[in-house]
Amino acid sequence: MAAAGTPRQKMINLMYLVFIAMMAMNVDREVLRSFEGVNESLELSTSLTNLNNSTFYEQIEKKKEDGDEGYVGISEKANSLRKQADDAIKEIESVKTALKTASGYTGSENGQETNYNSLQNTDVVNKVFFVSDNVPTKSVKSMVDKVQTFVKFMQEGMDKKSQDRIKQLFNFSNKNGKSWLVNQFYEQPMIAALTNLSRLEANIRTEEGNRVRDLLANKLQDEIELKAFVPIVSSPKYVKAGERFDVVVGFGAYDNTLKGSINLNGRNIPLSGGKAVIGMTATGSGVQKLSGSISYETPNGVKTESFNETYEVVSETLKEMPTGASVVADKMNVVYRGVDNPMSGSVTGVDASTINMSTSNGSLSKSGGGWIYRAGGGATTTFTISGRTSSGKSVSKTVTFRIKNVPKAQGEIRGRNVLAMPASSLPNQTVGASIPDFEFPVSFNVTGFKVKVTGLPTSVVSGNSLRAAAGVLSRAKSGDQVLIFDISATATGVAQQNISPILINVQ
């Protein structure tokens, strides 16, 4: 054996140290894959939020194009908001593109394997973000400026509570003597930097949506207050010849103190308690008209509004037209595999006691006034609903529903899967799981997971508490990221499934 101090032994010792360092710096592929999954989830959520925001912008523009002058100012504010958000997103996307290009990241599209070397590349992040220590590149500085301009725009006109919320959400202040950019991106793996940028985009689109919804909601409230008096005429749509029926005429935003009168088909009836109930007898057959006017007294004189309504006289007693039917999923417009789907069905114009419903796929059982459906295999099922009218005529209809699997569950802490907290709070957290925005009763009991802190070994935990990982969590510092992945859980109501990871940014 060579002596400990020989050049050969010194070289062996040096190579061993380099090997150990390389192992410590290498990020597990499963951790990188989890980070990539979080980033893809954030990008999808941001895209869906942007589509949802577009519907509100379109409603405002349509109101403006229809000639409503009250929406001219609202449209200008909405367009300014949209431009501020789009400008910030454009700058962020530019930096994300630079990261992907410089690292050679191609993603996993078209079945190709992800380039994991690009995901863990820290040199690329430093080159894209920094000219030198703590000095950002021109493109990154432009990005931060645009985001801060958006934040300043959002805070204008807000109350202090809302301003504080925005300030906390977009907090660019220095921590521990380091700038926000250094804390968030310096020496970070490329996929971690990409995820931080996607989180910033998600926050921008969410706050943009909150503001444009407020613009539209406030304007609609003004319209309700300004246009409260509208005539309302209520009468049966179908009546049997010779049958007595009532016509009720009143006002929208009903006011029982109004004084005035109703003129209906040439008959004049005074208002009583702000409305008039007119008894009539059905004569003839087919469609009949109800037309007239309603007059009411205001401080500025008498105002009159006209109305026109129709009803149909038929030869047999019906609730509605005897030619239609409907099937409605009580919770969704689809049915889900693996859970009880409450269903209700009706056939217009028939006695409810004669209604029957069947399905071509799965099982259907009576429950109270409706049915419970359990889906079988396949992608669709067809429901057939039938009943009989008072004359004995059979009426039926078939309706096809899609069958979908229960949505993927996501891991969560405090109801969120991406959050920030001080390092001291980490061991006190409990890991849970849920299916967001899913109406069916599904509950999860987390039985284990893995914890990865930036630069530290992965810790395996049994149960649902981070207390078991207190050792590795105690070494987390501000700017680190904690990834909780490979979450396992038992579930009631559905089969066990993969659960998306949780990302914690340490403050």
Protein backbone atom coordinates (compact mmCIF):
# COMPACT_ATOMS: atom_id res chain seq x y z
CA MET A 1 0.00 0.00 0.00
CA ALA A 2 1.29 3.45 -0.90
CA ALA A 3 2.29 5.76 1.93
CA ALA A 4 -0.29 8.35 2.99
CA GLY A 5 1.87 11.27 1.91
CA THR A 6 2.97 10.07 -1.55
CA PRO A 7 1.92 12.08 -4.64
CA ARG A 8 -0.10 9.09 -5.85
CA GLN A 9 -2.07 8.86 -2.60
CA LYS A 10 -2.64 12.62 -2.56
CA MET A 11 -4.07 12.37 -6.09
CA ILE A 12 -6.37 9.51 -5.04
CA ASN A 13 -7.59 11.51 -2.03
CA LEU A 14 -8.25 14.55 -4.23
CA MET A 15 -10.20 12.47 -6.79
CA TYR A 16 -12.27 10.95 -3.95
CA LEU A 17 -13.15 14.43 -2.64
CA VAL A 18 -14.17 15.56 -6.14
CA PHE A 19 -16.33 12.45 -6.52
CA ILE A 20 -18.09 13.10 -3.18
CA ALA A 21 -18.68 16.74 -4.14
CA MET A 22 -20.18 15.72 -7.49
CA MET A 23 -22.54 13.31 -5.74
CA ALA A 24 -23.64 16.03 -3.30
CA MET A 25 -24.32 18.46 -6.11
CA ASN A 26 -26.22 15.99 -8.26
CA VAL A 27 -30.01 16.38 -7.91
CA ASP A 28 -32.07 13.18 -8.00
CA ARG A 29 -34.02 12.71 -11.19
CA GLU A 30 -37.25 12.11 -9.28
CA VAL A 31 -36.83 15.47 -7.54
CA LEU A 32 -36.16 17.23 -10.86
CA ARG A 33 -39.20 15.51 -12.36
CA SER A 34 -41.34 16.72 -9.47
CA PHE A 35 -40.09 20.30 -9.93
CA GLU A 36 -40.89 20.00 -13.62
CA GLY A 37 -44.40 18.80 -12.74
CA VAL A 38 -44.97 21.80 -10.44
CA ASN A 39 -43.81 24.16 -13.21
CA GLU A 40 -46.11 22.54 -15.79
CA SER A 41 -49.02 22.73 -13.33
CA LEU A 42 -48.39 26.45 -12.74
CA GLU A 43 -48.14 27.15 -16.48
CA LEU A 44 -51.42 25.32 -17.16
CA SER A 45 -53.17 27.16 -14.31
CA THR A 46 -51.89 30.50 -15.63
CA SER A 47 -53.14 29.70 -19.14
CA LEU A 48 -56.61 28.77 -17.86
CA THR A 49 -56.78 31.90 -15.71
CA ASN A 50 -55.87 34.02 -18.74
CA LEU A 51 -58.67 32.41 -20.77
CA ASN A 52 -61.13 33.06 -17.95
CA ASN A 53 -59.99 36.70 -17.71
CA SER A 54 -60.59 37.10 -21.46
CA THR A 55 -64.30 36.36 -21.01
CA PHE A 56 -64.65 39.34 -18.66
CA TYR A 57 -62.79 41.64 -21.08
CA GLU A 58 -65.08 40.42 -23.89
CA GLN A 59 -68.21 41.15 -21.83
CA ILE A 60 -67.02 44.70 -21.19
CA GLU A 61 -66.20 45.29 -24.87
CA LYS A 62 -69.56 43.86 -25.99
CA LYS A 63 -71.41 46.21 -23.64
CA LYS A 64 -69.40 49.12 -25.04
CA GLU A 65 -70.01 48.08 -28.69
CA ASP A 66 -73.74 47.76 -27.97
CA GLY A 67 -73.76 51.51 -27.34
CA ASP A 68 -73.79 51.56 -23.54
CA GLU A 69 -71.86 54.79 -22.83
CA GLY A 70 -71.37 53.79 -19.20
CA TYR A 71 -68.92 51.12 -20.33
CA VAL A 72 -66.59 53.50 -22.22
CA GLY A 73 -64.68 54.44 -19.07
CA ILE A 74 -64.78 50.84 -17.79
CA SER A 75 -63.33 49.66 -21.11
CA GLU A 76 -60.45 52.14 -20.88
CA LYS A 77 -59.58 50.96 -17.36
CA ALA A 78 -59.83 47.30 -18.44
CA ASN A 79 -57.57 47.87 -21.45
CA SER A 80 -54.96 49.60 -19.25
CA LEU A 81 -55.09 46.69 -16.79
CA ARG A 82 -54.70 44.13 -19.57
CA LYS A 83 -51.72 45.98 -21.09
CA GLN A 84 -49.93 46.22 -17.75
CA ALA A 85 -50.40 42.48 -17.11
CA ASP A 86 -49.45 41.47 -20.68
CA ASP A 87 -46.31 43.64 -20.60
CA ALA A 88 -45.14 41.99 -17.37
CA ILE A 89 -45.92 38.47 -18.64
CA LYS A 90 -44.10 39.19 -21.93
CA GLU A 91 -40.90 40.14 -20.08
CA ILE A 92 -41.09 37.05 -17.84
CA GLU A 93 -41.64 34.79 -20.86
CA SER A 94 -38.58 36.35 -22.52
CA VAL A 95 -36.41 35.39 -19.54
CA LYS A 96 -37.94 31.88 -19.41
CA THR A 97 -37.18 31.39 -23.11
CA ALA A 98 -33.58 32.51 -22.55
CA LEU A 99 -33.22 29.97 -19.73
CA LYS A 100 -34.62 27.11 -21.82
CA THR A 101 -32.49 28.00 -24.86
CA ALA A 102 -29.25 28.43 -22.94
CA SER A 103 -29.71 25.18 -20.99
CA GLY A 104 -30.93 23.14 -23.96
CA TYR A 105 -34.14 22.27 -22.13
CA THR A 106 -36.68 20.65 -24.47
CA GLY A 107 -39.29 19.36 -22.06
CA SER A 108 -40.98 15.98 -22.49
CA GLU A 109 -43.12 16.76 -25.52
CA ASN A 110 -43.76 14.13 -28.19
CA GLY A 111 -42.69 11.35 -25.86
CA GLN A 112 -39.04 12.48 -25.73
CA GLU A 113 -37.21 12.05 -22.43
CA THR A 114 -36.51 15.23 -20.50
CA ASN A 115 -32.94 16.51 -20.60
CA TYR A 116 -32.22 16.26 -16.85
CA ASN A 117 -28.78 17.84 -17.15
CA SER A 118 -30.48 21.03 -18.30
CA LEU A 119 -32.89 20.94 -15.34
CA GLN A 120 -30.11 20.97 -12.72
CA ASN A 121 -27.87 23.48 -14.54
CA THR A 122 -27.05 26.40 -12.20
CA ASP A 123 -24.45 28.10 -14.40
CA VAL A 124 -27.07 28.95 -17.02
CA VAL A 125 -29.26 30.63 -14.39
CA ASN A 126 -26.37 32.78 -13.17
CA LYS A 127 -25.45 33.83 -16.73
CA VAL A 128 -29.03 34.70 -17.73
CA PHE A 129 -29.78 36.60 -14.50
CA PHE A 130 -26.54 38.26 -13.45
CA VAL A 131 -23.78 40.31 -15.09
CA SER A 132 -21.82 39.96 -11.87
CA ASP A 133 -22.65 39.33 -8.22
CA ASN A 134 -25.93 41.09 -7.36
CA VAL A 135 -25.97 42.99 -10.71
CA PRO A 136 -28.85 41.81 -12.94
CA THR A 137 -28.66 41.54 -16.73
CA LYS A 138 -30.53 44.07 -18.87
CA SER A 139 -33.37 41.65 -19.70
CA VAL A 140 -33.86 40.62 -16.06
CA LYS A 141 -33.84 44.24 -14.86
CA SER A 142 -36.47 45.04 -17.52
CA MET A 143 -38.56 42.11 -16.27
CA VAL A 144 -38.43 43.27 -12.63
CA ASP A 145 -39.27 46.85 -13.68
CA LYS A 146 -42.34 45.70 -15.64
CA VAL A 147 -43.59 43.54 -12.77
CA GLN A 148 -43.11 46.37 -10.27
CA THR A 149 -44.95 48.75 -12.64
CA PHE A 150 -47.83 46.26 -12.72
CA VAL A 151 -47.84 46.06 -8.91
CA LYS A 152 -47.89 49.87 -8.59
CA PHE A 153 -50.76 50.06 -11.09
CA MET A 154 -52.74 47.44 -9.16
CA GLN A 155 -52.33 49.32 -5.85
CA GLU A 156 -53.78 52.57 -7.24
CA GLY A 157 -57.26 53.17 -5.82
CA MET A 158 -57.10 50.15 -3.49
CA ASP A 159 -57.88 50.28 0.21
CA LYS A 160 -54.96 49.73 2.61
CA LYS A 161 -55.88 46.10 3.29
CA SER A 162 -55.82 45.25 -0.41
CA GLN A 163 -52.59 47.21 -0.94
CA ASP A 164 -50.92 45.25 1.87
CA ARG A 165 -52.08 41.98 0.31
CA ILE A 166 -50.60 42.91 -3.08
CA LYS A 167 -47.37 44.08 -1.43
CA GLN A 168 -47.04 40.78 0.41
CA LEU A 169 -47.76 38.75 -2.73
CA PHE A 170 -45.18 40.67 -4.79
CA ASN A 171 -42.48 41.24 -2.15
CA PHE A 172 -39.22 42.32 -3.82
CA SER A 173 -37.51 43.55 -0.65
CA ASN A 174 -34.01 42.47 0.43
CA LYS A 175 -33.66 39.64 2.95
CA ASN A 176 -30.59 38.80 5.02
CA GLY A 177 -28.62 41.47 3.16
CA LYS A 178 -29.38 39.91 -0.23
CA SER A 179 -31.58 41.22 -3.03
CA TRP A 180 -34.77 39.45 -4.09
CA LEU A 181 -33.09 38.30 -7.32
CA VAL A 182 -30.15 36.75 -5.49
CA ASN A 183 -32.38 35.00 -2.94
CA GLN A 184 -34.69 33.61 -5.62
CA PHE A 185 -32.31 32.75 -8.48
CA TYR A 186 -28.57 32.83 -7.67
CA GLU A 187 -27.03 29.32 -7.84
CA GLN A 188 -30.52 27.81 -8.28
CA PRO A 189 -31.09 24.82 -10.62
CA MET A 190 -32.62 25.89 -13.93
CA ILE A 191 -35.95 24.13 -13.24
CA ALA A 192 -36.24 25.87 -9.84
CA ALA A 193 -35.69 29.27 -11.49
CA LEU A 194 -38.23 28.38 -14.17
CA THR A 195 -40.77 27.40 -11.49
CA ASN A 196 -40.25 30.68 -9.60
CA LEU A 197 -40.91 32.64 -12.80
CA SER A 198 -44.06 30.59 -13.53
CA ARG A 199 -45.30 31.28 -9.98
CA LEU A 200 -44.80 35.01 -10.61
CA GLU A 201 -46.84 34.73 -13.83
CA ALA A 202 -49.63 32.87 -12.01
CA ASN A 203 -49.86 35.60 -9.35
CA ILE A 204 -50.04 38.32 -12.03
CA ARG A 205 -52.86 36.63 -13.96
CA THR A 206 -54.80 35.90 -10.74
CA GLU A 207 -54.66 39.51 -9.54
CA GLU A 208 -55.51 40.75 -13.05
CA GLY A 209 -58.62 38.54 -12.94
CA ASN A 210 -59.62 39.85 -9.52
CA ARG A 211 -59.42 43.46 -10.75
CA VAL A 212 -61.29 42.99 -14.07
CA ARG A 213 -64.06 41.05 -12.27
CA ASP A 214 -64.41 43.94 -9.81
CA LEU A 215 -64.69 46.45 -12.69
CA LEU A 216 -67.52 44.47 -14.28
CA ALA A 217 -69.30 43.63 -11.00
CA ASN A 218 -69.31 47.25 -9.80
CA LYS A 219 -70.77 48.44 -13.11
CA LEU A 220 -73.49 45.78 -13.08
CA GLN A 221 -74.44 46.83 -9.54
CA ASP A 222 -74.84 50.42 -10.76
CA GLU A 223 -77.15 49.21 -13.54
CA ILE A 224 -79.32 47.32 -11.07
CA GLU A 225 -79.75 50.45 -8.97
CA LEU A 226 -80.46 52.74 -11.94
CA LYS A 227 -82.84 50.46 -13.86
CA ALA A 228 -84.85 48.91 -11.07
CA PHE A 229 -88.39 49.44 -12.40
CA VAL A 230 -89.19 46.86 -15.10
CA PRO A 231 -92.64 45.33 -15.71
CA ILE A 232 -92.95 41.62 -14.85
CA VAL A 233 -95.88 39.62 -16.24
CA SER A 234 -96.41 36.08 -14.99
CA SER A 235 -98.98 33.66 -16.42
CA PRO A 236 -99.21 29.91 -17.16
CA LYS A 237 -97.72 29.01 -20.53
CA TYR A 238 -100.23 26.24 -21.17
CA VAL A 239 -103.83 25.97 -19.86
CA LYS A 240 -106.77 23.72 -20.62
CA ALA A 241 -109.73 25.24 -22.46
CA GLY A 242 -112.41 26.47 -19.99
CA GLU A 243 -109.96 26.49 -17.07
CA ARG A 244 -109.54 29.52 -14.78
CA PHE A 245 -106.03 30.95 -14.34
CA ASP A 246 -104.33 34.01 -12.83
CA VAL A 247 -102.10 36.62 -14.46
CA VAL A 248 -99.71 38.45 -12.10
CA VAL A 249 -98.28 41.82 -13.20
CA GLY A 250 -95.69 43.72 -11.14
CA PHE A 251 -92.28 45.39 -11.19
CA GLY A 252 -88.70 44.24 -11.09
CA ALA A 253 -87.03 45.32 -7.82
CA TYR A 254 -90.55 44.92 -6.46
CA ASP A 255 -91.93 47.91 -4.52
CA ASN A 256 -95.24 47.30 -2.73
CA THR A 257 -95.76 51.04 -2.09
CA LEU A 258 -96.12 51.98 -5.77
CA LYS A 259 -99.48 53.40 -6.84
CA GLY A 260 -100.88 53.10 -10.37
CA SER A 261 -102.92 50.83 -12.62
CA ILE A 262 -102.70 48.00 -15.16
CA ASN A 263 -104.32 48.03 -18.59
CA LEU A 264 -104.61 44.42 -19.84
CA ASN A 265 -106.40 43.58 -23.10
CA GLY A 266 -108.58 46.68 -22.66
CA ARG A 267 -109.34 46.10 -18.97
CA ASN A 268 -108.15 48.67 -16.39
CA ILE A 269 -107.19 47.29 -12.95
CA PRO A 270 -105.74 49.41 -10.10
CA LEU A 271 -102.51 48.34 -8.41
CA SER A 272 -102.86 46.85 -4.95
CA GLY A 273 -99.66 46.58 -2.94
CA GLY A 274 -97.65 47.39 -6.07
CA LYS A 275 -99.14 44.64 -8.24
CA ALA A 276 -102.35 43.41 -9.81
CA VAL A 277 -103.73 39.86 -9.97
CA ILE A 278 -106.18 39.43 -12.86
CA GLY A 279 -108.43 36.37 -13.01
CA MET A 280 -109.13 35.10 -16.56
CA THR A 281 -110.84 32.17 -18.28
CA ALA A 282 -109.11 30.35 -21.12
CA THR A 283 -111.13 30.47 -24.35
CA GLY A 284 -110.49 29.31 -27.89
CA SER A 285 -107.36 27.28 -28.65
CA GLY A 286 -103.78 27.88 -29.65
CA VAL A 287 -101.56 30.85 -28.78
CA GLN A 288 -103.30 33.78 -27.06
CA LYS A 289 -101.87 37.25 -26.36
CA LEU A 290 -101.64 39.32 -23.20
CA SER A 291 -100.78 42.93 -24.02
CA GLY A 292 -101.20 46.23 -22.27
CA SER A 293 -99.40 48.76 -20.14
CA ILE A 294 -98.58 49.45 -16.51
CA SER A 295 -98.61 53.00 -15.12
CA TYR A 296 -97.13 54.13 -11.83
CA GLU A 297 -96.74 57.39 -9.98
CA THR A 298 -93.32 59.00 -9.39
CA PRO A 299 -92.30 62.37 -7.88
CA ASN A 300 -91.90 63.61 -11.47
CA GLY A 301 -95.33 62.44 -12.66
CA VAL A 302 -96.87 59.24 -14.03
CA LYS A 303 -94.65 56.82 -15.99
CA THR A 304 -95.94 54.08 -18.29
CA GLU A 305 -94.29 50.84 -19.45
CA SER A 306 -95.78 48.46 -22.02
CA PHE A 307 -95.66 44.65 -22.00
CA ASN A 308 -96.52 41.71 -24.26
CA GLU A 309 -96.92 38.10 -23.15
CA THR A 310 -98.38 34.90 -24.66
CA TYR A 311 -99.92 31.68 -23.40
CA GLU A 312 -101.29 28.61 -25.17
CA VAL A 313 -104.69 27.00 -24.72
CA VAL A 314 -104.54 23.20 -25.13
CA SER A 315 -107.09 20.39 -24.95
CA GLU A 316 -105.54 18.47 -22.04
CA THR A 317 -103.99 19.45 -18.72
CA LEU A 318 -100.21 19.76 -18.98
CA LYS A 319 -97.49 21.18 -16.82
CA GLU A 320 -95.44 22.11 -19.88
CA MET A 321 -95.16 21.10 -23.53
CA PRO A 322 -95.65 17.30 -23.84
CA THR A 323 -92.87 16.94 -26.41
CA GLY A 324 -89.67 17.51 -24.42
CA ALA A 325 -87.64 15.80 -21.75
CA SER A 326 -84.48 16.50 -19.80
CA VAL A 327 -81.80 14.69 -17.82
CA VAL A 328 -79.60 16.70 -15.46
CA ALA A 329 -76.50 15.71 -13.48
CA ASP A 330 -76.98 17.39 -10.10
CA LYS A 331 -73.29 18.16 -9.64
CA MET A 332 -71.66 18.24 -13.09
CA ASN A 333 -72.46 18.12 -16.79
CA VAL A 334 -70.58 14.83 -16.83
CA VAL A 335 -70.62 11.75 -14.61
CA TYR A 336 -67.56 10.44 -12.76
CA ARG A 337 -66.27 6.92 -12.47
CA GLY A 338 -65.81 5.53 -8.96
CA VAL A 339 -68.25 7.85 -7.09
CA ASP A 340 -72.01 8.09 -6.57
CA ASN A 341 -73.45 10.53 -9.14
CA PRO A 342 -76.78 12.04 -7.97
CA MET A 343 -79.12 12.36 -10.98
CA SER A 344 -82.52 13.93 -11.51
CA GLY A 345 -84.76 13.65 -14.54
CA SER A 346 -88.07 15.07 -15.70
CA VAL A 347 -90.40 14.79 -18.66
CA THR A 348 -92.39 17.95 -19.26
CA GLY A 349 -96.14 17.63 -19.25
CA VAL A 350 -96.40 14.24 -17.53
CA ASP A 351 -97.25 12.94 -14.07
CA ALA A 352 -94.01 12.59 -12.07
CA SER A 353 -95.17 9.24 -10.68
CA THR A 354 -94.99 7.69 -14.18
CA ILE A 355 -91.37 8.70 -14.87
CA ASN A 356 -88.77 5.97 -15.34
CA MET A 357 -85.08 6.25 -16.21
CA SER A 358 -82.51 3.67 -17.36
CA THR A 359 -78.87 3.70 -18.47
CA SER A 360 -76.86 1.85 -21.11
CA ASN A 361 -73.66 1.68 -19.08
CA GLY A 362 -73.22 1.19 -15.34
CA SER A 363 -75.95 1.00 -12.69
CA LEU A 364 -78.84 3.28 -11.74
CA SER A 365 -80.76 3.03 -8.46
CA LYS A 366 -83.68 5.06 -7.10
CA SER A 367 -82.84 7.49 -4.30
CA GLY A 368 -85.50 9.81 -2.86
CA GLY A 369 -86.88 11.94 -5.69
CA GLY A 370 -83.99 11.08 -8.04
CA TRP A 371 -81.43 8.40 -8.85
CA ILE A 372 -77.86 7.42 -7.97
CA TYR A 373 -75.69 6.45 -10.94
CA ARG A 374 -72.47 4.39 -10.74
CA ALA A 375 -70.44 4.55 -13.96
CA GLY A 376 -69.17 1.45 -15.74
CA GLY A 377 -66.41 1.17 -18.34
CA GLY A 378 -66.18 3.17 -21.53
CA ALA A 379 -66.24 6.88 -22.26
CA THR A 380 -70.01 7.55 -22.48
CA THR A 381 -73.37 6.36 -21.20
CA THR A 382 -76.86 6.98 -22.55
CA PHE A 383 -79.82 7.69 -20.24
CA THR A 384 -83.37 7.00 -21.38
CA ILE A 385 -86.18 8.77 -19.52
CA SER A 386 -89.90 8.22 -20.17
CA GLY A 387 -93.35 9.02 -18.80
CA ARG A 388 -97.04 9.34 -19.74
CA THR A 389 -99.28 12.40 -20.21
CA SER A 390 -102.78 12.68 -18.75
CA SER A 391 -104.18 11.30 -22.03
CA GLY A 392 -101.97 8.19 -21.77
CA LYS A 393 -99.49 9.27 -24.44
CA SER A 394 -95.97 7.91 -23.90
CA VAL A 395 -93.10 10.44 -24.05
CA SER A 396 -89.41 9.47 -23.94
CA LYS A 397 -86.00 10.89 -24.71
CA THR A 398 -82.38 9.70 -24.68
CA VAL A 399 -79.43 11.82 -23.55
CA THR A 400 -75.73 10.91 -23.74
CA PHE A 401 -73.31 11.84 -20.94
CA ARG A 402 -69.50 11.65 -20.87
CA ILE A 403 -67.83 9.43 -18.27
CA LYS A 404 -64.65 10.86 -16.77
CA ASN A 405 -62.15 9.68 -14.19
CA VAL A 406 -61.94 11.55 -10.90
CA PRO A 407 -59.48 14.50 -11.27
CA LYS A 408 -55.94 14.13 -9.95
CA ALA A 409 -55.46 15.01 -6.29
CA GLN A 410 -52.90 17.61 -5.23
CA GLY A 411 -50.80 17.75 -2.09
CA GLU A 412 -51.42 20.76 0.12
CA ILE A 413 -50.34 22.56 3.26
CA ARG A 414 -52.74 25.18 4.60
CA GLY A 415 -54.90 24.52 1.53
CA ARG A 416 -52.13 25.41 -0.99
CA ASN A 417 -49.55 23.46 -3.01
CA VAL A 418 -47.15 26.39 -3.57
CA LEU A 419 -46.52 28.63 -0.56
CA ALA A 420 -43.89 30.52 1.42
CA MET A 421 -43.08 30.47 5.15
CA PRO A 422 -40.21 31.00 7.61
CA ALA A 423 -37.86 28.07 8.22
CA SER A 424 -38.94 27.96 11.88
CA SER A 425 -42.53 27.13 10.87
CA LEU A 426 -41.65 24.15 8.65
CA PRO A 427 -41.72 21.33 11.27
CA ASN A 428 -45.16 22.49 12.51
CA GLN A 429 -46.91 21.80 9.20
CA THR A 430 -49.25 18.93 8.31
CA VAL A 431 -49.37 17.48 4.81
CA GLY A 432 -52.82 16.91 3.34
CA ALA A 433 -54.37 16.20 -0.05
CA SER A 434 -57.54 17.19 -1.85
CA ILE A 435 -59.13 17.43 -5.28
CA PRO A 436 -59.69 21.18 -5.88
CA ASP A 437 -63.15 22.29 -6.98
CA PHE A 438 -64.49 18.71 -6.93
CA GLU A 439 -68.07 18.57 -5.68
CA PHE A 440 -68.12 14.93 -4.59
CA PRO A 441 -67.30 13.79 -1.01
CA VAL A 442 -63.72 12.48 -1.30
CA SER A 443 -61.35 12.68 1.67
CA PHE A 444 -57.67 11.72 1.91
CA ASN A 445 -55.51 10.47 4.78
CA VAL A 446 -51.82 11.05 4.05
CA THR A 447 -49.68 8.09 5.15
CA GLY A 448 -46.21 9.13 3.96
CA PHE A 449 -44.08 11.31 1.69
CA LYS A 450 -40.54 12.41 0.83
CA VAL A 451 -38.95 15.76 1.72
CA LYS A 452 -36.16 17.42 -0.28
CA VAL A 453 -34.43 20.64 0.84
CA THR A 454 -32.18 22.41 -1.67
CA GLY A 455 -28.69 20.90 -1.50
CA LEU A 456 -29.60 18.34 1.21
CA PRO A 457 -30.39 14.59 1.06
CA THR A 458 -33.96 13.40 0.57
CA SER A 459 -35.80 12.45 3.78
CA VAL A 460 -38.52 9.76 3.87
CA VAL A 461 -41.42 10.42 6.28
CA SER A 462 -44.21 8.18 7.55
CA GLY A 463 -47.51 9.78 8.52
CA ASN A 464 -48.65 13.28 7.65
CA SER A 465 -46.48 15.55 9.84
CA LEU A 466 -43.28 17.38 8.85
CA ARG A 467 -42.16 17.03 12.47
CA ALA A 468 -40.56 13.70 11.50
CA ALA A 469 -38.26 15.58 9.08
CA ALA A 470 -37.28 18.25 11.63
CA GLY A 471 -33.61 17.29 11.35
CA VAL A 472 -33.23 18.13 7.67
CA LEU A 473 -35.70 21.03 7.87
CA SER A 474 -33.68 22.69 10.62
CA ARG A 475 -30.89 23.15 8.06
CA ALA A 476 -33.13 25.04 5.59
CA LYS A 477 -32.33 28.72 5.20
CA SER A 478 -33.96 31.73 3.55
CA GLY A 479 -34.05 31.37 -0.23
CA ASP A 480 -34.08 27.54 -0.11
CA GLN A 481 -36.94 25.52 -1.52
CA VAL A 482 -38.55 22.52 0.17
CA LEU A 483 -40.16 19.95 -2.12
CA ILE A 484 -42.64 17.42 -0.71
CA PHE A 485 -43.25 14.65 -3.21
CA ASP A 486 -44.14 10.95 -3.64
CA ILE A 487 -47.12 11.65 -1.35
CA SER A 488 -49.02 8.47 -0.50
CA ALA A 489 -52.52 8.48 0.98
CA THR A 490 -55.63 6.43 1.47
CA ALA A 491 -58.84 7.87 0.06
CA THR A 492 -62.55 7.39 0.73
CA GLY A 493 -64.84 7.27 -2.28
CA VAL A 494 -62.15 6.81 -4.97
CA ALA A 495 -59.27 4.51 -5.82
CA GLN A 496 -55.79 5.53 -4.63
CA GLN A 497 -54.05 7.84 -7.15
CA ASN A 498 -50.86 9.81 -7.71
CA ILE A 499 -50.79 13.06 -5.75
CA SER A 500 -49.01 16.16 -7.09
CA PRO A 501 -46.10 17.60 -5.02
CA ILE A 502 -45.94 20.63 -2.71
CA LEU A 503 -43.38 23.43 -3.08
CA ILE A 504 -42.42 25.64 -0.10
CA ASN A 505 -40.26 28.74 -0.58
CA VAL A 506 -38.33 29.38 2.64
CA GLN A 507 -38.43 33.04 3.73
